[in-house]
Each structure stands twice: as structure tokens, then as C-alpha cells.
Amino acid sequence: MSVQIGNIDLGEFPLLLAPMEDVSDPPFRYVCKQNGADMMYTEFISSEGLIRDAAKSRKKLDIFDYERPIGIQIFGSDINSMREATEISTQAGPDLMDINYGCPVKNVACRGAGASLLQDIDKMVAMTKAVVEATHLPVTVKTRLGWDDNTKNVYEVAERLQDVGIKALTIHGRTRAQMYKGVADWSLIRDIKKNPRIKIPIFGNGDIDSPEKAANWRLEYGVDGMMIGRAAIGYPWIFREVKHFFETGTHLEGPTITERVDVCKTHLQKSIEWKGPKTGVFEMRRHYSNYFKGLENFKEFRTRLVSTENIDELFEILEQITNRYTHELA
């Protein structure tokens, strides 16, 4: 059976790209979509930033038809601001709205937004209801197990948010206190999926970094789909590799050096087109190490990639990488 979010058909077992700050922008989403991501989200967007018409927040509303289905994810601490931000976001034409109740970083969680709402479920429910009522689009939520080990309350959260109208729930298998440390625990996610009261799709998130783990956890935890985040940074091929393993039980051969360079070039070109040459070149620098992870003696190339501002030179360096490592890895 296909997984449905409202009228969005995501296929039998969708793989979602996680919304990641300073990563999940349109250039990155493009290369992930090309490699098999079934649904994606924008970077999380501040509700207050949208209301104030802040340029950075408004820019994050940019979505493109090739990305669909795509959700705009918002966060905030004030219910009225979240309602207004939902109305603004809906006008940008996404396929769904998503609320971030999972971000653990201090400048979000300690200001009453993101994972902080796990400490006040009544407010979380009221905020979610306001968002649902402010848009005609399906509303989904991403959250964590709880604030800490003593308050793992996501079981209650799932029931109450379903009751006010969300259409899917993604759960990261860590508490806020864990940040991104330790091992993600999906056992509570499985319990929620088994809860006979829960009718909406439940997606698992956290530590999916290989086709084997995805396949094993799909069977073990019974979720409706998986959200992949950090494993896709510099390696968008993770989506197609997981799908191939699901279908065949065998590993798809990893990307060649030519493919790595070509996708990196595409990412760079899209970054320049969307952000402009200066910012596009600068913000791409965080991705090079991940695209070429594991290549021996790569430090010299990386140093050149992150130090030059000349676009033609960047593409020339990438060509040199192809030539050098195609020969060495042959």
C-alpha cells in the first residue's frame, strides 16, 4: 500500500530528506531529488523572521516544481506568529507544511521553540491546532522522543497531535538532551506505530547511514518510511542505494569519481545560480570534504577548493580531481 499524506502519494516506503539548517537549500535538494529522495523539506524557517519580512527567512521560501512534493518547515515559540507564518508560507505554494518540534540547538530550544515545546505539550497542541487551521495544506510534524530521558513523552505527543489534525509524524530517535550524540533509539517509534489509535504515517529518523541498516530497521521497527539527514550530506546517492537494496538485497556500486565530480559541479552551479556568485561559492565550501571523503592525499585539492573565489578555477580544480583519481583508482 502507498503511504499517503493528505492527497500526496509517496509510494510504498518513502525516503525523505531531512530539513537541515545551512544544508537543505534548493541546490542540495536538487542533487538529492536526482538521486531518489521521495519527499523533501526546506531548511527550518523562523516564524518571526517571516513576519518581519527578513530577507534570509523569505529566501528560504523558494521552492521549485522539480522538488515536489516538498514541505516548508517553520519553527517558533509564539502561537500567533506561527499562525501568521503558516499563512505566509502557504502562499509560496508548497505541497505541505511542517512544524519543527525537534531542533535541539541552544538558540532555538532555549528560546521556547523547536524541541523546547516537548516540555509543554499543551502549548504544542495549541500551536499545532493553530497551524492546521491556518492552511488548506496537510500539516506534518518533526519531533524527538522527549526533552530528556526522564520525559520521553512522544507517545502522548503522537496521539494528541493526530487528534488536532496532523497528517504525518517524523520522530528522531533521540531526546533533546542527547543532541546528536549516542545511538538513536527507535523502540519508542515502533511502539507509536503499533498504537492502534495512530492512523497517520510514522517516519523514523536518526542514524540511517547504510542500505543494510535501512533494510534491517524497516523490518524491526515497522515504520512507514524513513527520513535521512546527515548521511546524505556530500552523498546524495544514499537514497538510490537504499532503494536498490530494498528491491534486490544487493549493493548498488558506489559512485565513480567522475560521478562524484559531476554531482559536485551540479551542486556548485545550482548554488551560484540561486545565491549569486559570491555567496554561492562561499557556502559550497562546507560540502567539498563530504563529496570526496575517503580519497587519499586529497588535502591539497580541498585547500584549493575552499580558498579560491574564481568560479572558472573551481571548475578547473574539479576537472583535475577527475583526471587525477580516475587514473589512480582505475
Foldseek 3Di string as FASTA:
>chain_A
DFADQPPDTQGQAAEEAEQDPLQQAVLLLVLLLVQAHREYEFHEAELVCVVVVPVVRVLSLDDDPSRPQYEYEYKDQDLVSLLVSLLVSVVSPHQAYEYAQAQLDCVALVRRMHVVCLVPLVVVLSSLLSSPVSDPHAYEYEHEQGQAPVRRPVLVSQLSSVVSGHQEYEYEQHHSVCRQDDFRDCQVVLVSVPPPSHDHFYEYEHDPQALVVLVVCCVVRVGRYYYYYPNCQLPSNRNNQNVVCVVPVDGDDGDDLVVLLVSLVSSLVVLCVSVNLQRSQQSSLVRPCSSPPPDPPCVVLSVVSNPDSDPVVNNVSSVVSCVVVVVVVD
